């Protein structure tokens, strides 16, 4: 019997509809920042991206402003809760995010989704998603071919590529189709309902599941 496959979820932009708040906070700390310029910061690891801004941006200052507003200003992506519950029946789910862990846990708990995830990995676990993926491999005794990463940014796809891990892009988050396509994902989906087939098809095509 083969062990369970793992579905890794980015949080912001995939589960949480958080772009508006994230950009507003970033612009507060760096007023010249345009929305398109902000999106380009996510074409690599965001913590590398903000270092390219003149004067940089302090992540601690960002979260100090972001956290108090998040509870009231961030909604869940409609339809994603049902898909998470469905995927959790067959796969092991893990959050791999650049946001800090506790607000993610609180958000998921508020939406009755926390129990579906085996591990919530925020920035406080490690700033690099490459390293967080490595930690998942070590903890569960699996490899990249046992996983697929669902994300809304090219940067995440590039980090997954470091392990030759497959990705599925979602077009409702921080990056549009054209940008996501540069990461050569297995598939780009436009609605949460498409994720179930995309994940099943990925593992069927890549591991003979």
N, C-alpha and C. Protein backbone atom coordinates (compact mmCIF):
# COMPACT_ATOMS: atom_id res chain seq x y z
N UNK A 1 0.85 -1.20 0.00
CA UNK A 1 0.00 0.00 0.00
C UNK A 1 0.89 1.25 0.00
N UNK A 2 0.63 2.16 -0.93
CA UNK A 2 1.42 3.38 -0.99
C UNK A 2 0.95 4.36 0.08
N UNK A 3 1.90 5.17 0.56
CA UNK A 3 1.51 6.14 1.57
C UNK A 3 0.75 7.30 0.93
N UNK A 4 0.09 8.07 1.77
CA UNK A 4 -0.71 9.18 1.29
C UNK A 4 0.15 10.21 0.56
N UNK A 5 -0.42 10.81 -0.43
CA UNK A 5 0.22 11.93 -1.11
C UNK A 5 -0.09 13.22 -0.34
N UNK A 6 0.76 14.21 -0.54
CA UNK A 6 0.66 15.47 0.18
C UNK A 6 0.27 16.61 -0.75
N UNK A 7 -0.69 17.40 -0.31
CA UNK A 7 -1.08 18.61 -1.04
C UNK A 7 -0.68 19.79 -0.18
N UNK A 8 0.26 20.58 -0.69
CA UNK A 8 0.71 21.77 0.02
C UNK A 8 -0.07 22.97 -0.48
N UNK A 9 -0.56 23.77 0.43
CA UNK A 9 -1.33 24.96 0.10
C UNK A 9 -0.58 26.21 0.51
N UNK A 10 -0.44 27.16 -0.41
CA UNK A 10 -0.12 28.52 -0.02
C UNK A 10 -1.38 29.06 0.67
N UNK A 11 -1.22 30.09 1.46
CA UNK A 11 -2.38 30.61 2.21
C UNK A 11 -2.93 31.90 1.59
N UNK A 12 -2.13 32.96 1.63
CA UNK A 12 -2.60 34.24 1.10
C UNK A 12 -2.82 34.15 -0.41
N UNK A 13 -3.99 34.59 -0.85
CA UNK A 13 -4.31 34.58 -2.27
C UNK A 13 -4.92 33.30 -2.76
N UNK A 14 -4.71 32.20 -2.01
CA UNK A 14 -5.29 30.91 -2.40
C UNK A 14 -6.51 30.60 -1.53
N UNK A 15 -6.30 30.59 -0.22
CA UNK A 15 -7.39 30.34 0.74
C UNK A 15 -7.97 31.66 1.23
N UNK A 16 -7.10 32.58 1.59
CA UNK A 16 -7.51 33.89 2.09
C UNK A 16 -7.45 34.93 0.98
N UNK A 17 -8.51 35.70 0.85
CA UNK A 17 -8.58 36.76 -0.16
C UNK A 17 -7.93 38.01 0.44
N UNK A 18 -6.60 38.02 0.43
CA UNK A 18 -5.87 38.98 1.25
C UNK A 18 -5.06 40.02 0.49
N UNK A 19 -5.14 40.03 -0.84
CA UNK A 19 -4.28 40.95 -1.59
C UNK A 19 -4.53 42.41 -1.21
N UNK A 20 -5.79 42.81 -1.12
CA UNK A 20 -6.10 44.23 -0.86
C UNK A 20 -5.48 44.71 0.44
N UNK A 21 -5.63 43.92 1.50
CA UNK A 21 -5.05 44.32 2.78
C UNK A 21 -3.53 44.27 2.74
N UNK A 22 -2.98 43.21 2.16
CA UNK A 22 -1.52 43.08 2.10
C UNK A 22 -0.90 44.26 1.36
N UNK A 23 -1.50 44.63 0.25
CA UNK A 23 -0.96 45.75 -0.52
C UNK A 23 -1.12 47.06 0.24
N UNK A 24 -2.27 47.25 0.89
CA UNK A 24 -2.51 48.48 1.64
C UNK A 24 -1.47 48.67 2.75
N UNK A 25 -1.16 47.59 3.45
CA UNK A 25 -0.16 47.65 4.52
C UNK A 25 1.23 47.91 3.93
N UNK A 26 1.56 47.23 2.85
CA UNK A 26 2.87 47.43 2.20
C UNK A 26 3.01 48.87 1.72
N UNK A 27 1.94 49.43 1.18
CA UNK A 27 1.96 50.81 0.67
C UNK A 27 2.08 51.81 1.82
N UNK A 28 1.51 51.48 2.96
CA UNK A 28 1.65 52.33 4.14
C UNK A 28 3.12 52.44 4.55
N UNK A 29 3.83 51.32 4.45
CA UNK A 29 5.24 51.29 4.84
C UNK A 29 6.16 51.81 3.73
N UNK A 30 5.67 51.72 2.49
CA UNK A 30 6.48 52.15 1.35
C UNK A 30 5.54 52.86 0.36
N UNK A 31 5.19 54.14 0.63
CA UNK A 31 4.17 54.86 -0.14
C UNK A 31 4.32 54.87 -1.65
N UNK A 32 5.54 54.87 -2.21
CA UNK A 32 5.62 54.89 -3.68
C UNK A 32 5.22 53.58 -4.35
N UNK A 33 5.00 52.54 -3.58
CA UNK A 33 4.78 51.20 -4.13
C UNK A 33 3.46 51.09 -4.91
N UNK A 34 3.56 50.78 -6.20
CA UNK A 34 2.37 50.56 -7.02
C UNK A 34 1.91 49.12 -6.92
N UNK A 35 0.65 48.86 -7.27
CA UNK A 35 0.09 47.51 -7.14
C UNK A 35 0.83 46.51 -8.03
N UNK A 36 1.14 46.91 -9.26
CA UNK A 36 1.87 45.99 -10.16
C UNK A 36 3.28 45.73 -9.65
N UNK A 37 3.93 46.78 -9.14
CA UNK A 37 5.26 46.62 -8.58
C UNK A 37 5.22 45.68 -7.38
N UNK A 38 4.18 45.82 -6.57
CA UNK A 38 4.02 44.95 -5.39
C UNK A 38 3.89 43.49 -5.84
N UNK A 39 3.11 43.25 -6.87
CA UNK A 39 2.95 41.88 -7.38
C UNK A 39 4.28 41.29 -7.84
N UNK A 40 5.13 42.12 -8.44
CA UNK A 40 6.40 41.60 -8.94
C UNK A 40 7.29 41.13 -7.79
N UNK A 41 7.09 41.65 -6.59
CA UNK A 41 7.90 41.21 -5.44
C UNK A 41 7.67 39.73 -5.13
N UNK A 42 6.55 39.20 -5.61
CA UNK A 42 6.20 37.79 -5.37
C UNK A 42 6.63 36.88 -6.52
N UNK A 43 7.45 37.39 -7.42
CA UNK A 43 7.97 36.54 -8.50
C UNK A 43 9.17 35.73 -8.04
N UNK A 44 9.63 36.01 -6.83
CA UNK A 44 10.63 35.21 -6.13
C UNK A 44 10.15 35.09 -4.69
N UNK A 45 11.02 34.72 -3.78
CA UNK A 45 10.64 34.71 -2.37
C UNK A 45 10.36 36.15 -1.94
N UNK A 46 9.22 36.39 -1.30
CA UNK A 46 8.82 37.74 -0.94
C UNK A 46 9.83 38.44 -0.03
N UNK A 47 10.50 37.66 0.82
CA UNK A 47 11.46 38.28 1.74
C UNK A 47 12.74 38.71 1.02
N UNK A 48 13.02 38.11 -0.12
CA UNK A 48 14.08 38.61 -0.99
C UNK A 48 13.56 39.82 -1.77
N UNK A 49 12.30 39.74 -2.16
CA UNK A 49 11.69 40.81 -2.94
C UNK A 49 11.68 42.15 -2.23
N UNK A 50 11.30 42.15 -0.96
CA UNK A 50 11.20 43.44 -0.25
C UNK A 50 12.57 44.07 -0.01
N UNK A 51 13.61 43.27 -0.06
CA UNK A 51 14.97 43.82 0.10
C UNK A 51 15.37 44.65 -1.11
N UNK A 52 14.67 44.46 -2.24
CA UNK A 52 15.01 45.23 -3.44
C UNK A 52 14.38 46.62 -3.42
N UNK A 53 13.46 46.87 -2.50
CA UNK A 53 12.83 48.19 -2.40
C UNK A 53 13.83 49.18 -1.79
N UNK A 54 13.84 50.41 -2.26
CA UNK A 54 14.71 51.41 -1.64
C UNK A 54 14.40 51.55 -0.15
N UNK A 55 15.38 51.28 0.68
CA UNK A 55 15.15 51.32 2.12
C UNK A 55 14.61 50.02 2.68
N UNK A 56 14.23 49.08 1.78
CA UNK A 56 13.70 47.79 2.21
C UNK A 56 12.36 47.92 2.91
N UNK A 57 11.94 46.85 3.55
CA UNK A 57 10.70 46.84 4.34
C UNK A 57 10.88 45.84 5.47
N UNK A 58 10.58 46.27 6.67
CA UNK A 58 10.76 45.43 7.84
C UNK A 58 9.56 44.49 8.00
N UNK A 59 9.75 43.17 7.87
CA UNK A 59 8.62 42.24 8.02
C UNK A 59 7.91 42.37 9.37
N UNK A 60 8.66 42.65 10.42
CA UNK A 60 8.03 42.79 11.74
C UNK A 60 7.08 43.98 11.77
N UNK A 61 7.50 45.08 11.14
CA UNK A 61 6.63 46.27 11.06
C UNK A 61 5.39 45.95 10.22
N UNK A 62 5.60 45.21 9.16
CA UNK A 62 4.49 44.82 8.28
C UNK A 62 3.44 44.03 9.07
N UNK A 63 3.88 43.00 9.77
CA UNK A 63 2.91 42.15 10.50
C UNK A 63 2.28 42.88 11.68
N UNK A 64 2.99 43.85 12.22
CA UNK A 64 2.44 44.65 13.32
C UNK A 64 1.22 45.43 12.85
N UNK A 65 1.24 45.86 11.60
CA UNK A 65 0.10 46.57 11.01
C UNK A 65 -0.94 45.61 10.43
N UNK A 66 -0.45 44.52 9.86
CA UNK A 66 -1.32 43.57 9.15
C UNK A 66 -2.22 42.77 10.10
N UNK A 67 -1.63 42.23 11.14
CA UNK A 67 -2.36 41.31 12.03
C UNK A 67 -3.64 41.87 12.64
N UNK A 68 -3.60 43.07 13.22
CA UNK A 68 -4.83 43.58 13.87
C UNK A 68 -5.99 43.77 12.89
N UNK A 69 -5.69 44.01 11.62
CA UNK A 69 -6.73 44.25 10.62
C UNK A 69 -7.20 42.96 9.95
N UNK A 70 -6.37 41.94 9.98
CA UNK A 70 -6.64 40.73 9.20
C UNK A 70 -7.98 40.07 9.56
N UNK A 71 -8.27 39.99 10.84
CA UNK A 71 -9.48 39.28 11.29
C UNK A 71 -10.75 39.88 10.69
N UNK A 72 -10.79 41.20 10.56
CA UNK A 72 -11.99 41.88 10.07
C UNK A 72 -11.97 42.17 8.57
N UNK A 73 -10.79 42.13 7.96
CA UNK A 73 -10.69 42.58 6.58
C UNK A 73 -10.38 41.49 5.56
N UNK A 74 -10.11 40.27 6.03
CA UNK A 74 -9.79 39.20 5.09
C UNK A 74 -10.89 38.14 5.10
N UNK A 75 -11.45 37.89 3.93
CA UNK A 75 -12.47 36.86 3.77
C UNK A 75 -11.84 35.60 3.19
N UNK A 76 -12.53 34.50 3.35
CA UNK A 76 -12.10 33.25 2.73
C UNK A 76 -12.56 33.24 1.27
N UNK A 77 -11.76 32.66 0.41
CA UNK A 77 -12.14 32.55 -1.00
C UNK A 77 -13.38 31.67 -1.10
N UNK A 78 -14.48 32.16 -1.67
CA UNK A 78 -15.70 31.36 -1.78
C UNK A 78 -15.43 30.04 -2.51
N UNK A 79 -15.91 28.96 -1.91
CA UNK A 79 -15.79 27.64 -2.51
C UNK A 79 -14.56 26.85 -2.09
N UNK A 80 -13.58 27.52 -1.48
CA UNK A 80 -12.33 26.82 -1.16
C UNK A 80 -12.51 25.89 0.05
N UNK A 81 -13.39 26.23 0.97
CA UNK A 81 -13.57 25.41 2.18
C UNK A 81 -14.04 24.00 1.82
N UNK A 82 -14.98 23.89 0.91
CA UNK A 82 -15.51 22.58 0.50
C UNK A 82 -14.42 21.75 -0.17
N UNK A 83 -13.59 22.40 -0.98
CA UNK A 83 -12.52 21.68 -1.67
C UNK A 83 -11.47 21.18 -0.69
N UNK A 84 -11.14 22.00 0.30
CA UNK A 84 -10.18 21.58 1.33
C UNK A 84 -10.70 20.34 2.05
N UNK A 85 -11.97 20.37 2.43
CA UNK A 85 -12.56 19.23 3.14
C UNK A 85 -12.53 17.97 2.27
N UNK A 86 -12.81 18.13 0.99
CA UNK A 86 -12.81 16.99 0.07
C UNK A 86 -11.41 16.43 -0.14
N UNK A 87 -10.44 17.32 -0.36
CA UNK A 87 -9.06 16.88 -0.57
C UNK A 87 -8.49 16.20 0.67
N UNK A 88 -8.91 16.67 1.85
CA UNK A 88 -8.40 16.11 3.11
C UNK A 88 -8.83 14.66 3.31
N UNK A 89 -9.87 14.23 2.63
CA UNK A 89 -10.32 12.84 2.75
C UNK A 89 -9.32 11.88 2.10
N UNK A 90 -8.58 12.37 1.12
CA UNK A 90 -7.69 11.49 0.35
C UNK A 90 -6.21 11.83 0.52
N UNK A 91 -5.93 13.09 0.82
CA UNK A 91 -4.54 13.54 0.87
C UNK A 91 -4.21 14.15 2.23
N UNK A 92 -2.91 14.22 2.53
CA UNK A 92 -2.44 14.94 3.72
C UNK A 92 -2.20 16.38 3.30
N UNK A 93 -2.80 17.32 4.01
CA UNK A 93 -2.71 18.74 3.65
C UNK A 93 -1.77 19.49 4.59
N UNK A 94 -0.96 20.37 4.02
CA UNK A 94 -0.03 21.20 4.78
C UNK A 94 -0.08 22.62 4.23
N UNK A 95 -0.06 23.61 5.12
CA UNK A 95 0.04 25.01 4.70
C UNK A 95 1.51 25.40 4.67
N UNK A 96 1.95 25.97 3.54
CA UNK A 96 3.31 26.49 3.40
C UNK A 96 3.16 27.96 3.01
N UNK A 97 3.37 28.86 3.98
CA UNK A 97 3.04 30.27 3.80
C UNK A 97 4.16 31.20 4.24
N UNK A 98 4.12 32.42 3.71
CA UNK A 98 5.06 33.46 4.13
C UNK A 98 4.49 34.32 5.26
N UNK A 99 3.22 34.12 5.57
CA UNK A 99 2.60 34.80 6.71
C UNK A 99 2.99 34.07 7.99
N UNK A 100 2.90 34.75 9.13
CA UNK A 100 3.23 34.07 10.38
C UNK A 100 2.14 33.07 10.76
N UNK A 101 2.54 32.04 11.47
CA UNK A 101 1.69 30.87 11.69
C UNK A 101 0.41 31.15 12.47
N UNK A 102 0.50 31.86 13.58
CA UNK A 102 -0.66 31.98 14.46
C UNK A 102 -1.90 32.59 13.80
N UNK A 103 -1.78 33.69 13.04
CA UNK A 103 -2.97 34.22 12.36
C UNK A 103 -3.57 33.24 11.36
N UNK A 104 -2.72 32.43 10.72
CA UNK A 104 -3.23 31.41 9.79
C UNK A 104 -4.06 30.39 10.56
N UNK A 105 -3.52 29.92 11.68
CA UNK A 105 -4.24 28.95 12.51
C UNK A 105 -5.58 29.52 12.97
N UNK A 106 -5.57 30.78 13.38
CA UNK A 106 -6.80 31.41 13.86
C UNK A 106 -7.82 31.54 12.73
N UNK A 107 -7.36 31.90 11.56
CA UNK A 107 -8.25 32.03 10.39
C UNK A 107 -8.88 30.68 10.05
N UNK A 108 -8.05 29.66 9.97
CA UNK A 108 -8.55 28.33 9.62
C UNK A 108 -9.49 27.79 10.69
N UNK A 109 -9.17 28.06 11.94
CA UNK A 109 -10.04 27.62 13.04
C UNK A 109 -11.39 28.32 12.97
N UNK A 110 -11.35 29.60 12.66
CA UNK A 110 -12.58 30.40 12.55
C UNK A 110 -13.48 29.85 11.46
N UNK A 111 -12.88 29.31 10.43
CA UNK A 111 -13.66 28.77 9.29
C UNK A 111 -13.79 27.24 9.37
N UNK A 112 -13.48 26.70 10.54
CA UNK A 112 -13.62 25.25 10.80
C UNK A 112 -12.83 24.40 9.82
N UNK A 113 -11.63 24.84 9.52
CA UNK A 113 -10.78 24.12 8.56
C UNK A 113 -9.47 23.64 9.18
N UNK A 114 -9.15 24.10 10.35
CA UNK A 114 -7.83 23.82 10.94
C UNK A 114 -7.54 22.33 11.05
N UNK A 115 -8.56 21.54 11.40
CA UNK A 115 -8.35 20.10 11.62
C UNK A 115 -8.02 19.35 10.33
N UNK A 116 -8.22 20.00 9.20
CA UNK A 116 -7.91 19.33 7.93
C UNK A 116 -6.41 19.36 7.60
N UNK A 117 -5.64 20.17 8.32
CA UNK A 117 -4.23 20.36 7.99
C UNK A 117 -3.32 19.69 9.01
N UNK A 118 -2.35 18.92 8.50
CA UNK A 118 -1.42 18.21 9.37
C UNK A 118 -0.38 19.15 9.97
N UNK A 119 -0.06 20.23 9.25
CA UNK A 119 1.00 21.14 9.70
C UNK A 119 0.74 22.50 9.08
N UNK A 120 0.87 23.55 9.89
CA UNK A 120 0.77 24.93 9.41
C UNK A 120 2.16 25.53 9.51
N UNK A 121 2.76 25.85 8.38
CA UNK A 121 4.13 26.35 8.35
C UNK A 121 4.17 27.79 7.86
N UNK A 122 4.35 28.71 8.80
CA UNK A 122 4.43 30.13 8.46
C UNK A 122 5.86 30.62 8.39
N UNK A 123 6.02 31.92 8.30
CA UNK A 123 7.33 32.54 8.20
C UNK A 123 8.20 32.24 9.43
N UNK A 124 7.54 32.10 10.59
CA UNK A 124 8.28 31.85 11.82
C UNK A 124 8.90 30.44 11.85
N UNK A 125 8.40 29.54 11.01
CA UNK A 125 9.02 28.21 10.88
C UNK A 125 10.29 28.34 10.05
N UNK A 126 10.19 29.05 8.92
CA UNK A 126 11.35 29.40 8.10
C UNK A 126 10.87 30.40 7.05
N UNK A 127 11.72 31.36 6.69
CA UNK A 127 11.34 32.35 5.68
C UNK A 127 11.34 31.75 4.28
N UNK A 128 12.13 30.69 4.08
CA UNK A 128 12.25 30.06 2.76
C UNK A 128 11.28 28.91 2.61
N UNK A 129 10.50 28.92 1.54
CA UNK A 129 9.60 27.80 1.29
C UNK A 129 10.39 26.58 0.81
N UNK A 130 11.55 26.81 0.20
CA UNK A 130 12.42 25.70 -0.18
C UNK A 130 12.79 24.90 1.07
N UNK A 131 13.15 25.61 2.13
CA UNK A 131 13.54 24.94 3.37
C UNK A 131 12.34 24.30 4.06
N UNK A 132 11.19 24.95 4.00
CA UNK A 132 9.99 24.37 4.62
C UNK A 132 9.60 23.07 3.92
N UNK A 133 9.75 23.04 2.61
CA UNK A 133 9.47 21.81 1.87
C UNK A 133 10.44 20.71 2.30
N UNK A 134 11.70 21.09 2.47
CA UNK A 134 12.70 20.12 2.91
C UNK A 134 12.33 19.55 4.30
N UNK A 135 11.80 20.41 5.15
CA UNK A 135 11.37 19.99 6.49
C UNK A 135 10.21 19.00 6.41
N UNK A 136 9.32 19.21 5.45
CA UNK A 136 8.19 18.28 5.25
C UNK A 136 8.73 16.91 4.81
N UNK A 137 9.67 16.92 3.87
CA UNK A 137 10.25 15.65 3.41
C UNK A 137 10.86 14.88 4.58
N UNK A 138 11.59 15.60 5.42
CA UNK A 138 12.29 14.96 6.55
C UNK A 138 11.30 14.45 7.60
N UNK A 139 10.30 15.26 7.90
CA UNK A 139 9.35 14.89 8.95
C UNK A 139 8.52 13.67 8.57
N UNK A 140 8.09 13.62 7.31
CA UNK A 140 7.17 12.57 6.89
C UNK A 140 7.82 11.46 6.08
N UNK A 141 9.11 11.58 5.82
CA UNK A 141 9.81 10.53 5.07
C UNK A 141 9.33 10.40 3.64
N UNK A 142 9.07 11.54 3.01
CA UNK A 142 8.56 11.56 1.64
C UNK A 142 9.52 12.35 0.74
N UNK A 143 9.19 12.43 -0.54
CA UNK A 143 9.98 13.22 -1.47
C UNK A 143 9.09 14.17 -2.26
N UNK A 144 9.70 14.97 -3.11
CA UNK A 144 8.95 15.95 -3.89
C UNK A 144 7.89 15.31 -4.77
N UNK A 145 8.14 14.07 -5.24
CA UNK A 145 7.18 13.41 -6.12
C UNK A 145 5.93 12.94 -5.39
N UNK A 146 5.97 13.04 -4.05
CA UNK A 146 4.78 12.71 -3.25
C UNK A 146 3.90 13.93 -3.01
N UNK A 147 4.32 15.08 -3.53
CA UNK A 147 3.66 16.35 -3.21
C UNK A 147 3.27 17.14 -4.45
N UNK A 148 2.28 18.00 -4.28
CA UNK A 148 1.98 19.04 -5.26
C UNK A 148 1.68 20.31 -4.46
N UNK A 149 2.09 21.46 -4.99
CA UNK A 149 1.94 22.72 -4.28
C UNK A 149 0.93 23.59 -5.01
N UNK A 150 -0.13 23.99 -4.31
CA UNK A 150 -1.17 24.86 -4.86
C UNK A 150 -0.85 26.30 -4.46
N UNK A 151 -0.65 27.17 -5.44
CA UNK A 151 -0.20 28.53 -5.15
C UNK A 151 -0.74 29.54 -6.16
N UNK A 152 -0.64 30.80 -5.78
CA UNK A 152 -1.08 31.88 -6.66
C UNK A 152 0.08 32.76 -7.12
N UNK A 153 1.33 32.34 -6.84
CA UNK A 153 2.45 33.19 -7.22
C UNK A 153 3.57 32.43 -7.95
N UNK A 154 4.21 33.14 -8.85
CA UNK A 154 5.35 32.61 -9.59
C UNK A 154 6.51 32.29 -8.65
N UNK A 155 6.69 33.12 -7.62
CA UNK A 155 7.77 32.89 -6.68
C UNK A 155 7.67 31.55 -5.99
N UNK A 156 6.46 31.18 -5.61
CA UNK A 156 6.25 29.87 -4.98
C UNK A 156 6.60 28.74 -5.95
N UNK A 157 6.21 28.91 -7.20
CA UNK A 157 6.51 27.89 -8.20
C UNK A 157 8.02 27.73 -8.37
N UNK A 158 8.71 28.86 -8.33
CA UNK A 158 10.16 28.80 -8.47
C UNK A 158 10.81 28.12 -7.27
N UNK A 159 10.25 28.34 -6.08
CA UNK A 159 10.79 27.67 -4.90
C UNK A 159 10.50 26.16 -4.96
N UNK A 160 9.30 25.80 -5.41
CA UNK A 160 8.97 24.38 -5.56
C UNK A 160 9.88 23.71 -6.59
N UNK A 161 10.23 24.48 -7.63
CA UNK A 161 11.09 23.97 -8.71
C UNK A 161 12.47 23.57 -8.18
N UNK A 162 12.89 24.20 -7.08
CA UNK A 162 14.18 23.85 -6.47
C UNK A 162 14.21 22.37 -6.07
N UNK A 163 13.03 21.82 -5.78
CA UNK A 163 12.91 20.40 -5.42
C UNK A 163 12.33 19.57 -6.56
N UNK A 164 12.11 20.21 -7.72
CA UNK A 164 11.41 19.55 -8.83
C UNK A 164 10.01 19.10 -8.41
N UNK A 165 9.38 19.90 -7.57
CA UNK A 165 8.01 19.61 -7.11
C UNK A 165 7.01 20.24 -8.08
N UNK A 166 5.97 19.51 -8.42
CA UNK A 166 4.93 20.02 -9.30
C UNK A 166 4.06 21.06 -8.61
N UNK A 167 3.48 21.93 -9.42
CA UNK A 167 2.62 22.99 -8.87
C UNK A 167 1.32 23.10 -9.65
N UNK A 168 0.32 23.63 -8.98
CA UNK A 168 -0.95 23.98 -9.59
C UNK A 168 -1.20 25.44 -9.28
N UNK A 169 -1.38 26.25 -10.30
CA UNK A 169 -1.61 27.68 -10.10
C UNK A 169 -3.09 28.00 -9.99
N UNK A 170 -3.42 28.98 -9.16
CA UNK A 170 -4.80 29.48 -9.07
C UNK A 170 -4.80 30.94 -9.53
N UNK A 171 -5.76 31.29 -10.36
CA UNK A 171 -5.73 32.61 -11.00
C UNK A 171 -6.46 33.69 -10.22
N UNK A 172 -6.98 33.35 -9.01
CA UNK A 172 -7.76 34.34 -8.26
C UNK A 172 -6.93 35.06 -7.19
N UNK A 173 -5.62 34.84 -7.18
CA UNK A 173 -4.80 35.43 -6.13
C UNK A 173 -3.95 36.59 -6.60
N UNK A 174 -2.66 36.57 -6.23
CA UNK A 174 -1.77 37.71 -6.47
C UNK A 174 -1.31 37.81 -7.92
N UNK A 175 -1.16 36.67 -8.61
CA UNK A 175 -0.65 36.69 -9.98
C UNK A 175 -1.67 36.19 -10.99
N UNK A 176 -1.65 36.80 -12.16
CA UNK A 176 -2.56 36.43 -13.25
C UNK A 176 -1.99 35.26 -14.04
N UNK A 177 -2.81 34.72 -14.93
CA UNK A 177 -2.45 33.58 -15.78
C UNK A 177 -1.07 33.72 -16.42
N UNK A 178 -0.85 34.88 -17.05
CA UNK A 178 0.39 35.08 -17.81
C UNK A 178 1.62 34.92 -16.92
N UNK A 179 1.56 35.49 -15.72
CA UNK A 179 2.69 35.39 -14.80
C UNK A 179 2.84 33.97 -14.27
N UNK A 180 1.73 33.35 -13.90
CA UNK A 180 1.77 31.98 -13.39
C UNK A 180 2.33 31.01 -14.45
N UNK A 181 2.00 31.27 -15.70
CA UNK A 181 2.46 30.40 -16.77
C UNK A 181 3.97 30.30 -16.87
N UNK A 182 4.66 31.35 -16.42
CA UNK A 182 6.13 31.35 -16.47
C UNK A 182 6.72 30.30 -15.54
N UNK A 183 5.92 29.87 -14.55
CA UNK A 183 6.39 28.85 -13.61
C UNK A 183 6.17 27.43 -14.10
N UNK A 184 5.58 27.31 -15.29
CA UNK A 184 5.28 26.01 -15.91
C UNK A 184 4.56 25.07 -14.93
N UNK A 185 3.41 25.50 -14.41
CA UNK A 185 2.65 24.63 -13.52
C UNK A 185 2.01 23.48 -14.27
N UNK A 186 1.63 22.47 -13.55
CA UNK A 186 0.90 21.35 -14.16
C UNK A 186 -0.41 21.84 -14.77
N UNK A 187 -1.06 22.77 -14.06
CA UNK A 187 -2.33 23.31 -14.53
C UNK A 187 -2.57 24.64 -13.83
N UNK A 188 -3.30 25.52 -14.49
CA UNK A 188 -3.78 26.74 -13.83
C UNK A 188 -5.30 26.65 -13.79
N UNK A 189 -5.88 26.84 -12.61
CA UNK A 189 -7.33 26.75 -12.47
C UNK A 189 -7.91 28.13 -12.16
N UNK A 190 -9.16 28.31 -12.54
CA UNK A 190 -9.83 29.60 -12.35
C UNK A 190 -10.87 29.59 -11.25
N UNK A 191 -11.22 28.39 -10.77
CA UNK A 191 -12.20 28.28 -9.68
C UNK A 191 -11.74 27.18 -8.71
N UNK A 192 -12.08 27.31 -7.42
CA UNK A 192 -11.73 26.26 -6.46
C UNK A 192 -12.26 24.89 -6.85
N UNK A 193 -13.43 24.86 -7.48
CA UNK A 193 -14.04 23.59 -7.85
C UNK A 193 -13.14 22.75 -8.76
N UNK A 194 -12.27 23.42 -9.52
CA UNK A 194 -11.38 22.71 -10.45
C UNK A 194 -10.19 22.07 -9.76
N UNK A 195 -9.95 22.43 -8.51
CA UNK A 195 -8.75 21.94 -7.82
C UNK A 195 -8.78 20.43 -7.58
N UNK A 196 -9.94 19.89 -7.30
CA UNK A 196 -10.02 18.46 -6.99
C UNK A 196 -9.51 17.62 -8.16
N UNK A 197 -10.03 17.89 -9.35
CA UNK A 197 -9.58 17.13 -10.53
C UNK A 197 -8.13 17.43 -10.84
N UNK A 198 -7.72 18.68 -10.64
CA UNK A 198 -6.33 19.06 -10.95
C UNK A 198 -5.35 18.26 -10.09
N UNK A 199 -5.66 18.12 -8.80
CA UNK A 199 -4.79 17.35 -7.89
C UNK A 199 -4.80 15.87 -8.26
N UNK A 200 -6.00 15.31 -8.44
CA UNK A 200 -6.10 13.90 -8.82
C UNK A 200 -5.34 13.63 -10.13
N UNK A 201 -5.53 14.51 -11.10
CA UNK A 201 -4.88 14.33 -12.41
C UNK A 201 -3.37 14.44 -12.29
N UNK A 202 -2.91 15.35 -11.42
CA UNK A 202 -1.47 15.53 -11.25
C UNK A 202 -0.83 14.22 -10.77
N UNK A 203 -1.39 13.65 -9.70
CA UNK A 203 -0.79 12.44 -9.16
C UNK A 203 -0.97 11.24 -10.09
N UNK A 204 -2.09 11.20 -10.81
CA UNK A 204 -2.29 10.11 -11.77
C UNK A 204 -1.25 10.20 -12.89
N UNK A 205 -0.96 11.41 -13.32
CA UNK A 205 -0.02 11.61 -14.43
C UNK A 205 1.43 11.43 -14.01
N UNK A 206 1.72 11.75 -12.74
CA UNK A 206 3.11 11.79 -12.31
C UNK A 206 3.57 10.61 -11.45
N UNK A 207 2.62 9.95 -10.82
CA UNK A 207 3.03 8.84 -9.95
C UNK A 207 2.22 7.57 -10.17
N UNK A 208 1.34 7.61 -11.12
CA UNK A 208 0.54 6.41 -11.39
C UNK A 208 -0.41 6.07 -10.28
N UNK A 209 -0.81 7.10 -9.50
CA UNK A 209 -1.74 6.86 -8.38
C UNK A 209 -3.09 6.40 -8.90
